C-alpha atoms as a PDB file:
ATOM      1  CA  UNK A   1       0.000   0.000   0.000  1.00  0.00           C
ATOM      2  CA  UNK A   2       1.313   3.398  -0.950  1.00  0.00           C
ATOM      3  CA  UNK A   3       2.428   5.670   1.914  1.00  0.00           C
ATOM      4  CA  UNK A   4       0.554   8.968   2.167  1.00  0.00           C
ATOM      5  CA  UNK A   5       1.676  11.918   4.307  1.00  0.00           C
ATOM      6  CA  UNK A   6      -1.813  13.353   4.019  1.00  0.00           C
ATOM      7  CA  UNK A   7      -3.443  10.270   5.508  1.00  0.00           C
ATOM      8  CA  UNK A   8      -0.816  10.103   8.251  1.00  0.00           C
ATOM      9  CA  UNK A   9      -1.282  13.741   9.249  1.00  0.00           C
ATOM     10  CA  UNK A  10      -5.051  13.307   9.159  1.00  0.00           C
ATOM     11  CA  UNK A  11      -4.785  10.309  11.480  1.00  0.00           C
ATOM     12  CA  UNK A  12      -2.660  12.228  13.981  1.00  0.00           C
ATOM     13  CA  UNK A  13      -5.064  15.160  13.776  1.00  0.00           C
ATOM     14  CA  UNK A  14      -7.888  12.900  14.915  1.00  0.00           C
ATOM     15  CA  UNK A  15      -5.692  11.430  17.668  1.00  0.00           C
ATOM     16  CA  UNK A  16      -4.461  14.824  18.879  1.00  0.00           C
ATOM     17  CA  UNK A  17      -7.388  15.690  21.249  1.00  0.00           C
ATOM     18  CA  UNK A  18      -7.116  12.348  23.064  1.00  0.00           C
ATOM     19  CA  UNK A  19      -3.323  12.597  23.208  1.00  0.00           C
ATOM     20  CA  UNK A  20      -3.515  16.111  24.630  1.00  0.00           C
ATOM     21  CA  UNK A  21      -5.928  14.945  27.335  1.00  0.00           C
ATOM     22  CA  UNK A  22      -3.608  12.053  28.199  1.00  0.00           C
ATOM     23  CA  UNK A  23      -0.660  14.422  28.325  1.00  0.00           C
ATOM     24  CA  UNK A  24      -2.466  16.933  30.563  1.00  0.00           C
ATOM     25  CA  UNK A  25      -4.203  14.547  32.962  1.00  0.00           C
ATOM     26  CA  UNK A  26      -2.032  11.412  32.966  1.00  0.00           C
ATOM     27  CA  UNK A  27       1.555  11.805  31.777  1.00  0.00           C
ATOM     28  CA  UNK A  28       2.273  15.284  33.177  1.00  0.00           C
ATOM     29  CA  UNK A  29       0.857  14.535  36.684  1.00  0.00           C
ATOM     30  CA  UNK A  30       2.775  11.249  36.691  1.00  0.00           C
ATOM     31  CA  UNK A  31       6.047  12.917  35.743  1.00  0.00           C
ATOM     32  CA  UNK A  32       5.552  15.848  38.126  1.00  0.00           C
ATOM     33  CA  UNK A  33       4.555  13.560  41.006  1.00  0.00           C
ATOM     34  CA  UNK A  34       7.667  11.467  40.437  1.00  0.00           C
ATOM     35  CA  UNK A  35       9.774  14.644  40.517  1.00  0.00           C
ATOM     36  CA  UNK A  36       8.086  15.817  43.750  1.00  0.00           C
ATOM     37  CA  UNK A  37       8.914  12.500  45.447  1.00  0.00           C
ATOM     38  CA  UNK A  38      12.605  13.535  45.373  1.00  0.00           C
ATOM     39  CA  UNK A  39      11.963  17.017  46.759  1.00  0.00           C
ATOM     40  CA  UNK A  40      10.948  18.789  49.929  1.00  0.00           C
ATOM     41  CA  UNK A  41       7.676  20.506  49.114  1.00  0.00           C
ATOM     42  CA  UNK A  42       5.247  21.339  51.897  1.00  0.00           C
ATOM     43  CA  UNK A  43       2.238  23.549  52.284  1.00  0.00           C
ATOM     44  CA  UNK A  44       4.441  26.166  53.945  1.00  0.00           C
ATOM     45  CA  UNK A  45       6.785  26.356  50.948  1.00  0.00           C
ATOM     46  CA  UNK A  46       3.818  26.541  48.599  1.00  0.00           C
ATOM     47  CA  UNK A  47       2.229  29.359  50.616  1.00  0.00           C
ATOM     48  CA  UNK A  48       5.476  31.369  50.489  1.00  0.00           C
ATOM     49  CA  UNK A  49       5.828  30.811  46.749  1.00  0.00           C
ATOM     50  CA  UNK A  50       9.014  28.749  47.099  1.00  0.00           C
ATOM     51  CA  UNK A  51       9.963  26.092  44.581  1.00  0.00           C
ATOM     52  CA  UNK A  52      10.383  22.441  45.620  1.00  0.00           C
ATOM     53  CA  UNK A  53      13.842  21.767  47.087  1.00  0.00           C
ATOM     54  CA  UNK A  54      15.703  18.715  45.790  1.00  0.00           C
ATOM     55  CA  UNK A  55      16.512  16.264  48.615  1.00  0.00           C
ATOM     56  CA  UNK A  56      17.235  13.087  46.653  1.00  0.00           C
ATOM     57  CA  UNK A  57      16.260   9.891  48.472  1.00  0.00           C
ATOM     58  CA  UNK A  58      15.533  11.557  51.814  1.00  0.00           C
ATOM     59  CA  UNK A  59      11.769  11.087  51.503  1.00  0.00           C
ATOM     60  CA  UNK A  60      12.196   7.362  50.910  1.00  0.00           C
ATOM     61  CA  UNK A  61      14.485   7.067  53.940  1.00  0.00           C
ATOM     62  CA  UNK A  62      11.795   8.813  55.975  1.00  0.00           C
ATOM     63  CA  UNK A  63       9.190   6.348  54.729  1.00  0.00           C
ATOM     64  CA  UNK A  64      11.321   3.335  55.614  1.00  0.00           C
ATOM     65  CA  UNK A  65      11.801   4.740  59.123  1.00  0.00           C
ATOM     66  CA  UNK A  66       8.085   5.498  59.599  1.00  0.00           C
ATOM     67  CA  UNK A  67       6.251   2.585  61.324  1.00  0.00           C
ATOM     68  CA  UNK A  68       2.897   3.970  60.166  1.00  0.00           C
ATOM     69  CA  UNK A  69       3.911   3.757  56.505  1.00  0.00           C
ATOM     70  CA  UNK A  70       5.238   0.215  56.914  1.00  0.00           C
ATOM     71  CA  UNK A  71       1.982  -0.766  58.625  1.00  0.00           C
ATOM     72  CA  UNK A  72      -0.078   0.856  55.874  1.00  0.00           C
ATOM     73  CA  UNK A  73       1.923  -0.867  53.127  1.00  0.00           C
ATOM     74  CA  UNK A  74       1.537  -4.194  54.912  1.00  0.00           C
ATOM     75  CA  UNK A  75      -2.212  -3.658  55.157  1.00  0.00           C
ATOM     76  CA  UNK A  76      -2.390  -2.882  51.431  1.00  0.00           C
ATOM     77  CA  UNK A  77      -0.503  -6.080  50.619  1.00  0.00           C
ATOM     78  CA  UNK A  78      -2.794  -8.026  52.959  1.00  0.00           C
ATOM     79  CA  UNK A  79      -5.738  -6.491  51.115  1.00  0.00           C
ATOM     80  CA  UNK A  80      -4.698  -8.565  48.089  1.00  0.00           C
ATOM     81  CA  UNK A  81      -6.452 -11.497  49.783  1.00  0.00           C
ATOM     82  CA  UNK A  82      -9.660 -10.145  48.276  1.00  0.00           C
ATOM     83  CA  UNK A  83      -8.372 -10.701  44.715  1.00  0.00           C
ATOM     84  CA  UNK A  84      -8.651 -14.518  44.388  1.00  0.00           C
ATOM     85  CA  UNK A  85     -11.968 -14.609  46.233  1.00  0.00           C
ATOM     86  CA  UNK A  86     -13.367 -11.839  44.045  1.00  0.00           C
ATOM     87  CA  UNK A  87     -12.199 -13.429  40.803  1.00  0.00           C
ATOM     88  CA  UNK A  88     -13.434 -16.928  41.625  1.00  0.00           C
ATOM     89  CA  UNK A  89     -16.846 -15.689  42.735  1.00  0.00           C
ATOM     90  CA  UNK A  90     -17.235 -13.362  39.740  1.00  0.00           C
ATOM     91  CA  UNK A  91     -16.334 -16.112  37.268  1.00  0.00           C
ATOM     92  CA  UNK A  92     -18.663 -18.615  38.949  1.00  0.00           C
ATOM     93  CA  UNK A  93     -21.639 -16.255  38.856  1.00  0.00           C
ATOM     94  CA  UNK A  94     -20.831 -15.211  35.274  1.00  0.00           C
ATOM     95  CA  UNK A  95     -21.095 -18.884  34.280  1.00  0.00           C
ATOM     96  CA  UNK A  96     -24.436 -19.155  36.085  1.00  0.00           C
ATOM     97  CA  UNK A  97     -25.993 -16.080  34.445  1.00  0.00           C
ATOM     98  CA  UNK A  98     -24.627 -16.951  30.996  1.00  0.00           C
ATOM     99  CA  UNK A  99     -27.908 -18.616  30.125  1.00  0.00           C
ATOM    100  CA  UNK A 100     -30.880 -17.653  28.002  1.00  0.00           C
ATOM    101  CA  UNK A 101     -33.583 -17.707  30.661  1.00  0.00           C
ATOM    102  CA  UNK A 102     -36.660 -15.484  31.140  1.00  0.00           C
ATOM    103  CA  UNK A 103     -35.698 -12.411  33.185  1.00  0.00           C
ATOM    104  CA  UNK A 104     -31.975 -13.226  33.234  1.00  0.00           C
ATOM    105  CA  UNK A 105     -31.175  -9.641  32.192  1.00  0.00           C
ATOM    106  CA  UNK A 106     -32.707  -8.397  35.455  1.00  0.00           C
ATOM    107  CA  UNK A 107     -30.443 -10.708  37.439  1.00  0.00           C
ATOM    108  CA  UNK A 108     -27.385  -9.454  35.588  1.00  0.00           C
ATOM    109  CA  UNK A 109     -28.404  -5.838  36.227  1.00  0.00           C
ATOM    110  CA  UNK A 110     -29.013  -6.582  39.918  1.00  0.00           C
ATOM    111  CA  UNK A 111     -25.474  -7.908  40.336  1.00  0.00           C
ATOM    112  CA  UNK A 112     -24.132  -4.716  38.748  1.00  0.00           C
ATOM    113  CA  UNK A 113     -26.031  -2.274  40.993  1.00  0.00           C
ATOM    114  CA  UNK A 114     -23.287  -2.128  43.697  1.00  0.00           C
ATOM    115  CA  UNK A 115     -20.791  -0.957  41.055  1.00  0.00           C
ATOM    116  CA  UNK A 116     -22.800   2.199  40.317  1.00  0.00           C
ATOM    117  CA  UNK A 117     -23.787   2.816  43.952  1.00  0.00           C
ATOM    118  CA  UNK A 118     -22.038   5.851  45.425  1.00  0.00           C
ATOM    119  CA  UNK A 119     -19.474   5.244  48.157  1.00  0.00           C
ATOM    120  CA  UNK A 120     -21.301   7.497  50.624  1.00  0.00           C
ATOM    121  CA  UNK A 121     -24.568   5.596  50.179  1.00  0.00           C
ATOM    122  CA  UNK A 122     -22.787   2.254  50.412  1.00  0.00           C
ATOM    123  CA  UNK A 123     -21.041   3.422  53.599  1.00  0.00           C
ATOM    124  CA  UNK A 124     -24.335   4.358  55.268  1.00  0.00           C
ATOM    125  CA  UNK A 125     -25.798   0.963  54.383  1.00  0.00           C
ATOM    126  CA  UNK A 126     -22.793  -1.063  55.548  1.00  0.00           C
ATOM    127  CA  UNK A 127     -22.404   0.954  58.742  1.00  0.00           C
ATOM    128  CA  UNK A 128     -25.987  -0.035  59.497  1.00  0.00           C
ATOM    129  CA  UNK A 129     -25.163  -3.680  58.732  1.00  0.00           C
ATOM    130  CA  UNK A 130     -22.040  -3.656  60.936  1.00  0.00           C
ATOM    131  CA  UNK A 131     -23.517  -1.585  63.788  1.00  0.00           C
ATOM    132  CA  UNK A 132     -23.745  -3.144  67.236  1.00  0.00           C
ATOM    133  CA  UNK A 133     -27.516  -3.198  66.805  1.00  0.00           C
ATOM    134  CA  UNK A 134     -27.398  -3.678  63.028  1.00  0.00           C
ATOM    135  CA  UNK A 135     -28.690  -6.405  60.777  1.00  0.00           C
ATOM    136  CA  UNK A 136     -25.582  -8.624  60.966  1.00  0.00           C
ATOM    137  CA  UNK A 137     -25.640  -8.827  64.762  1.00  0.00           C
ATOM    138  CA  UNK A 138     -29.413  -9.319  64.664  1.00  0.00           C
ATOM    139  CA  UNK A 139     -29.030 -12.290  62.319  1.00  0.00           C
ATOM    140  CA  UNK A 140     -26.182 -13.809  64.365  1.00  0.00           C
ATOM    141  CA  UNK A 141     -28.199 -13.380  67.553  1.00  0.00           C
ATOM    142  CA  UNK A 142     -31.213 -15.047  65.932  1.00  0.00           C
ATOM    143  CA  UNK A 143     -28.962 -17.983  65.003  1.00  0.00           C
ATOM    144  CA  UNK A 144     -27.607 -18.054  68.583  1.00  0.00           C
ATOM    145  CA  UNK A 145     -24.085 -17.290  67.369  1.00  0.00           C
ATOM    146  CA  UNK A 146     -23.967 -14.188  69.584  1.00  0.00           C
ATOM    147  CA  UNK A 147     -25.191 -14.160  73.195  1.00  0.00           C
ATOM    148  CA  UNK A 148     -27.297 -11.040  72.670  1.00  0.00           C
ATOM    149  CA  UNK A 149     -27.694  -8.251  70.150  1.00  0.00           C
ATOM    150  CA  UNK A 150     -25.508  -5.165  70.524  1.00  0.00           C
ATOM    151  CA  UNK A 151     -22.500  -6.923  72.042  1.00  0.00           C
ATOM    152  CA  UNK A 152     -20.118  -6.697  69.080  1.00  0.00           C
ATOM    153  CA  UNK A 153     -19.060  -3.803  66.826  1.00  0.00           C
ATOM    154  CA  UNK A 154     -17.523  -5.108  63.613  1.00  0.00           C
ATOM    155  CA  UNK A 155     -15.898  -1.816  62.616  1.00  0.00           C
ATOM    156  CA  UNK A 156     -14.699  -1.042  66.137  1.00  0.00           C
ATOM    157  CA  UNK A 157     -12.810  -4.274  66.676  1.00  0.00           C
ATOM    158  CA  UNK A 158      -9.175  -4.485  65.591  1.00  0.00           C
ATOM    159  CA  UNK A 159      -9.463  -8.128  64.542  1.00  0.00           C
ATOM    160  CA  UNK A 160     -12.589  -7.763  62.381  1.00  0.00           C
ATOM    161  CA  UNK A 161     -12.546  -4.207  60.980  1.00  0.00           C
ATOM    162  CA  UNK A 162     -10.062  -5.013  58.222  1.00  0.00           C
ATOM    163  CA  UNK A 163     -12.085  -7.946  56.886  1.00  0.00           C
ATOM    164  CA  UNK A 164     -15.322  -6.012  57.274  1.00  0.00           C
ATOM    165  CA  UNK A 165     -13.987  -3.269  54.998  1.00  0.00           C
ATOM    166  CA  UNK A 166     -12.627  -5.902  52.607  1.00  0.00           C
ATOM    167  CA  UNK A 167     -16.125  -7.385  52.307  1.00  0.00           C
ATOM    168  CA  UNK A 168     -17.422  -3.991  51.187  1.00  0.00           C
ATOM    169  CA  UNK A 169     -14.730  -3.899  48.480  1.00  0.00           C
ATOM    170  CA  UNK A 170     -15.778  -7.398  47.420  1.00  0.00           C
ATOM    171  CA  UNK A 171     -19.421  -6.309  47.263  1.00  0.00           C
ATOM    172  CA  UNK A 172     -18.653  -3.193  45.203  1.00  0.00           C
ATOM    173  CA  UNK A 173     -16.335  -4.898  42.709  1.00  0.00           C
ATOM    174  CA  UNK A 174     -18.144  -8.195  42.268  1.00  0.00           C
ATOM    175  CA  UNK A 175     -20.593  -7.027  39.580  1.00  0.00           C
ATOM    176  CA  UNK A 176     -17.902  -5.249  37.558  1.00  0.00           C
ATOM    177  CA  UNK A 177     -15.745  -8.340  37.123  1.00  0.00           C
ATOM    178  CA  UNK A 178     -18.812 -10.517  36.622  1.00  0.00           C
ATOM    179  CA  UNK A 179     -19.754  -8.410  33.577  1.00  0.00           C
ATOM    180  CA  UNK A 180     -16.233  -8.706  32.165  1.00  0.00           C
ATOM    181  CA  UNK A 181     -16.265 -12.466  32.593  1.00  0.00           C
ATOM    182  CA  UNK A 182     -19.749 -12.648  31.096  1.00  0.00           C
ATOM    183  CA  UNK A 183     -18.541 -10.776  28.026  1.00  0.00           C
ATOM    184  CA  UNK A 184     -15.647 -13.219  27.704  1.00  0.00           C
ATOM    185  CA  UNK A 185     -17.950 -16.214  28.033  1.00  0.00           C
ATOM    186  CA  UNK A 186     -20.300 -14.908  25.377  1.00  0.00           C
ATOM    187  CA  UNK A 187     -17.343 -14.503  23.029  1.00  0.00           C
ATOM    188  CA  UNK A 188     -16.657 -18.256  23.097  1.00  0.00           C
ATOM    189  CA  UNK A 189     -18.149 -19.983  20.027  1.00  0.00           C
ATOM    190  CA  UNK A 190     -21.022 -22.243  21.054  1.00  0.00           C
ATOM    191  CA  UNK A 191     -19.818 -24.840  18.546  1.00  0.00           C
ATOM    192  CA  UNK A 192     -16.792 -25.673  20.691  1.00  0.00           C
ATOM    193  CA  UNK A 193     -18.899 -26.492  23.738  1.00  0.00           C
ATOM    194  CA  UNK A 194     -21.328 -28.463  21.591  1.00  0.00           C
ATOM    195  CA  UNK A 195     -18.478 -30.470  20.047  1.00  0.00           C
ATOM    196  CA  UNK A 196     -17.137 -31.315  23.520  1.00  0.00           C
ATOM    197  CA  UNK A 197     -20.636 -32.333  24.597  1.00  0.00           C
ATOM    198  CA  UNK A 198     -20.956 -34.689  21.595  1.00  0.00           C
ATOM    199  CA  UNK A 199     -17.584 -36.196  22.497  1.00  0.00           C
ATOM    200  CA  UNK A 200     -19.042 -37.173  25.860  1.00  0.00           C
ATOM    201  CA  UNK A 201     -17.354 -34.517  28.042  1.00  0.00           C
ATOM    202  CA  UNK A 202     -19.112 -33.759  31.331  1.00  0.00           C
ATOM    203  CA  UNK A 203     -20.066 -30.158  32.249  1.00  0.00           C
ATOM    204  CA  UNK A 204     -17.050 -29.979  34.583  1.00  0.00           C
ATOM    205  CA  UNK A 205     -14.706 -31.257  31.858  1.00  0.00           C
ATOM    206  CA  UNK A 206     -16.145 -28.794  29.328  1.00  0.00           C
ATOM    207  CA  UNK A 207     -15.570 -25.977  31.773  1.00  0.00           C
ATOM    208  CA  UNK A 208     -11.894 -26.850  32.453  1.00  0.00           C
ATOM    209  CA  UNK A 209     -10.943 -28.086  28.965  1.00  0.00           C
ATOM    210  CA  UNK A 210     -12.865 -25.578  26.832  1.00  0.00           C
ATOM    211  CA  UNK A 211     -14.084 -22.559  28.810  1.00  0.00           C
ATOM    212  CA  UNK A 212     -11.104 -21.839  31.055  1.00  0.00           C
ATOM    213  CA  UNK A 213      -8.395 -21.999  28.324  1.00  0.00           C
ATOM    214  CA  UNK A 214     -10.392 -19.626  26.112  1.00  0.00           C
ATOM    215  CA  UNK A 215     -11.083 -17.316  29.074  1.00  0.00           C
ATOM    216  CA  UNK A 216      -7.426 -16.928  30.103  1.00  0.00           C
ATOM    217  CA  UNK A 217      -6.974 -13.474  28.471  1.00  0.00           C
ATOM    218  CA  UNK A 218     -10.045 -12.226  30.378  1.00  0.00           C
ATOM    219  CA  UNK A 219      -8.813 -13.843  33.591  1.00  0.00           C
ATOM    220  CA  UNK A 220      -5.467 -12.079  33.150  1.00  0.00           C
ATOM    221  CA  UNK A 221      -7.156  -8.710  32.586  1.00  0.00           C
ATOM    222  CA  UNK A 222      -9.473  -9.048  35.586  1.00  0.00           C
ATOM    223  CA  UNK A 223      -6.641 -10.230  37.839  1.00  0.00           C
ATOM    224  CA  UNK A 224      -4.487  -7.255  36.874  1.00  0.00           C
ATOM    225  CA  UNK A 225      -7.318  -4.781  37.407  1.00  0.00           C
ATOM    226  CA  UNK A 226      -8.361  -6.214  40.764  1.00  0.00           C
ATOM    227  CA  UNK A 227      -4.758  -6.389  42.018  1.00  0.00           C
ATOM    228  CA  UNK A 228      -4.179  -2.717  41.234  1.00  0.00           C
ATOM    229  CA  UNK A 229      -7.550  -1.750  42.732  1.00  0.00           C
ATOM    230  CA  UNK A 230      -6.818  -3.673  45.945  1.00  0.00           C
ATOM    231  CA  UNK A 231      -3.463  -1.899  46.370  1.00  0.00           C
ATOM    232  CA  UNK A 232      -5.008   1.543  45.894  1.00  0.00           C
ATOM    233  CA  UNK A 233      -8.116   1.062  47.998  1.00  0.00           C
ATOM    234  CA  UNK A 234      -9.031   4.284  49.791  1.00  0.00           C
ATOM    235  CA  UNK A 235     -12.701   5.235  49.610  1.00  0.00           C
ATOM    236  CA  UNK A 236     -14.076   2.352  51.671  1.00  0.00           C
ATOM    237  CA  UNK A 237     -11.460   2.867  54.370  1.00  0.00           C
ATOM    238  CA  UNK A 238     -11.942   6.629  54.419  1.00  0.00           C
ATOM    239  CA  UNK A 239     -15.711   6.571  54.876  1.00  0.00           C
ATOM    240  CA  UNK A 240     -16.063   3.482  57.089  1.00  0.00           C
ATOM    241  CA  UNK A 241     -13.150   3.488  59.536  1.00  0.00           C
ATOM    242  CA  UNK A 242     -10.802   6.370  58.714  1.00  0.00           C
ATOM    243  CA  UNK A 243      -7.926   3.890  59.084  1.00  0.00           C
ATOM    244  CA  UNK A 244      -8.861   2.697  62.568  1.00  0.00           C
ATOM    245  CA  UNK A 245      -9.144   1.081  64.971  1.00  0.00           C
ATOM    246  CA  UNK A 246      -5.477   1.234  65.966  1.00  0.00           C
ATOM    247  CA  UNK A 247      -4.461   1.628  62.281  1.00  0.00           C
ATOM    248  CA  UNK A 248      -5.720  -1.894  61.520  1.00  0.00           C
ATOM    249  CA  UNK A 249      -7.362  -0.661  58.279  1.00  0.00           C
ATOM    250  CA  UNK A 250      -4.835   2.079  57.493  1.00  0.00           C
ATOM    251  CA  UNK A 251      -3.776   1.453  53.884  1.00  0.00           C
ATOM    252  CA  UNK A 252      -0.934   2.927  51.817  1.00  0.00           C
ATOM    253  CA  UNK A 253      -3.259   5.222  49.841  1.00  0.00           C
ATOM    254  CA  UNK A 254      -4.723   6.401  53.159  1.00  0.00           C
ATOM    255  CA  UNK A 255      -1.173   7.358  54.176  1.00  0.00           C
ATOM    256  CA  UNK A 256      -0.673   9.280  50.925  1.00  0.00           C
ATOM    257  CA  UNK A 257      -3.984  11.100  51.387  1.00  0.00           C
ATOM    258  CA  UNK A 258      -3.233  11.975  55.011  1.00  0.00           C
ATOM    259  CA  UNK A 259       0.250  13.332  54.285  1.00  0.00           C
ATOM    260  CA  UNK A 260      -0.906  15.418  51.330  1.00  0.00           C
ATOM    261  CA  UNK A 261      -4.270  16.759  52.483  1.00  0.00           C
ATOM    262  CA  UNK A 262      -4.675  16.323  56.242  1.00  0.00           C
ATOM    263  CA  UNK A 263      -3.038  18.049  59.172  1.00  0.00           C
ATOM    264  CA  UNK A 264      -1.121  21.326  58.937  1.00  0.00           C
ATOM    265  CA  UNK A 265       2.055  20.369  57.101  1.00  0.00           C
ATOM    266  CA  UNK A 266       0.693  19.204  53.710  1.00  0.00           C
ATOM    267  CA  UNK A 267       3.870  17.304  52.883  1.00  0.00           C
ATOM    268  CA  UNK A 268       3.442  16.857  49.131  1.00  0.00           C
ATOM    269  CA  UNK A 269       6.965  15.548  48.653  1.00  0.00           C
ATOM    270  CA  UNK A 270       6.598  12.740  51.192  1.00  0.00           C
ATOM    271  CA  UNK A 271       3.101  11.919  49.896  1.00  0.00           C
ATOM    272  CA  UNK A 272       4.444  11.702  46.344  1.00  0.00           C
ATOM    273  CA  UNK A 273       7.230   9.387  47.477  1.00  0.00           C
ATOM    274  CA  UNK A 274       4.714   7.115  49.208  1.00  0.00           C
ATOM    275  CA  UNK A 275       2.533   7.134  46.101  1.00  0.00           C
ATOM    276  CA  UNK A 276       5.540   6.217  43.954  1.00  0.00           C
ATOM    277  CA  UNK A 277       6.325   3.262  46.226  1.00  0.00           C
ATOM    278  CA  UNK A 278       2.738   2.027  45.890  1.00  0.00           C
ATOM    279  CA  UNK A 279       2.932   2.447  42.096  1.00  0.00           C
ATOM    280  CA  UNK A 280       6.184   0.459  41.945  1.00  0.00           C
ATOM    281  CA  UNK A 281       4.686  -2.331  44.074  1.00  0.00           C
ATOM    282  CA  UNK A 282       1.641  -2.404  41.774  1.00  0.00           C
ATOM    283  CA  UNK A 283       3.936  -2.525  38.741  1.00  0.00           C
ATOM    284  CA  UNK A 284       5.941  -5.398  40.212  1.00  0.00           C
ATOM    285  CA  UNK A 285       2.802  -7.392  41.007  1.00  0.00           C
ATOM    286  CA  UNK A 286       1.396  -6.682  37.548  1.00  0.00           C
ATOM    287  CA  UNK A 287       4.594  -7.993  35.942  1.00  0.00           C
ATOM    288  CA  UNK A 288       4.365 -11.085  38.155  1.00  0.00           C
ATOM    289  CA  UNK A 289       0.776 -11.658  37.013  1.00  0.00           C
ATOM    290  CA  UNK A 290       1.822 -11.261  33.394  1.00  0.00           C
ATOM    291  CA  UNK A 291       4.702 -13.681  33.856  1.00  0.00           C
ATOM    292  CA  UNK A 292       2.485 -16.305  35.469  1.00  0.00           C
ATOM    293  CA  UNK A 293      -0.550 -15.954  33.218  1.00  0.00           C
ATOM    294  CA  UNK A 294       0.649 -14.628  29.853  1.00  0.00           C
ATOM    295  CA  UNK A 295       2.161 -17.930  28.601  1.00  0.00           C
ATOM    296  CA  UNK A 296      -1.118 -19.645  29.396  1.00  0.00           C
ATOM    297  CA  UNK A 297      -3.074 -16.744  27.901  1.00  0.00           C
ATOM    298  CA  UNK A 298      -1.243 -17.200  24.620  1.00  0.00           C
ATOM    299  CA  UNK A 299      -1.812 -20.937  24.570  1.00  0.00           C
ATOM    300  CA  UNK A 300      -4.039 -21.968  21.708  1.00  0.00           C
ATOM    301  CA  UNK A 301      -5.172 -25.130  23.431  1.00  0.00           C
END
């Protein structure tokens, strides 16, 4: 095909608005935030009109010496426990709703409702569920698993608050990944499943030998997305516990938010350094996921 400068310039002209938006709202903030992580830049310097002062790796040394940051990073890594549970449940339900049944569209929409529910509304609902006199304690009391209602606060207990917040993340993300898996399932040719059925394969064998191999690219995508989301969880923690009790739900993004926007110092340099550490951890885990799943994803079995 003959090369045309006119067609090339026209193509870039159409791409230019999107590229400018990416440059303004993605690449520039990323580059500037990385630069700030190596500087001293506080609210006081900003108020006096002073430029950021280069301090090299000092912010990272401060982070490594800060027990609160190490605790928050550990909590974020522990939050990754939600990823396998979320993916397995989403895939299982996607298989169940991938059927042509009367009213099945309503079921699919119902599973997706938590995704579009605002965090503030979800927080009010789950605070009611977890309250000492809320629905969860009422149900456990009715089943005689608690001695009496009002004796246990799920968000006020150091041993249960973390998993209570994690359940909210599971609830909010479940429908999103279910829709992605459903789209992947509906992209599998029905002839392949029918051929396996005619060969005498059981439903379980058809699932593992036909469905799962063809779903591996979708599984890889959903695993990457949920891993990154688990590392940067903030909203649920912020509205439900604020990082408490005793920093048991204090995540790395909560640390970044607190250093940058809470208190009187507004330490943007230290917050940027903490954010960069979280980004590097997310990048490392993403590369690990790609290394473990990409060979299988490219398998044409």
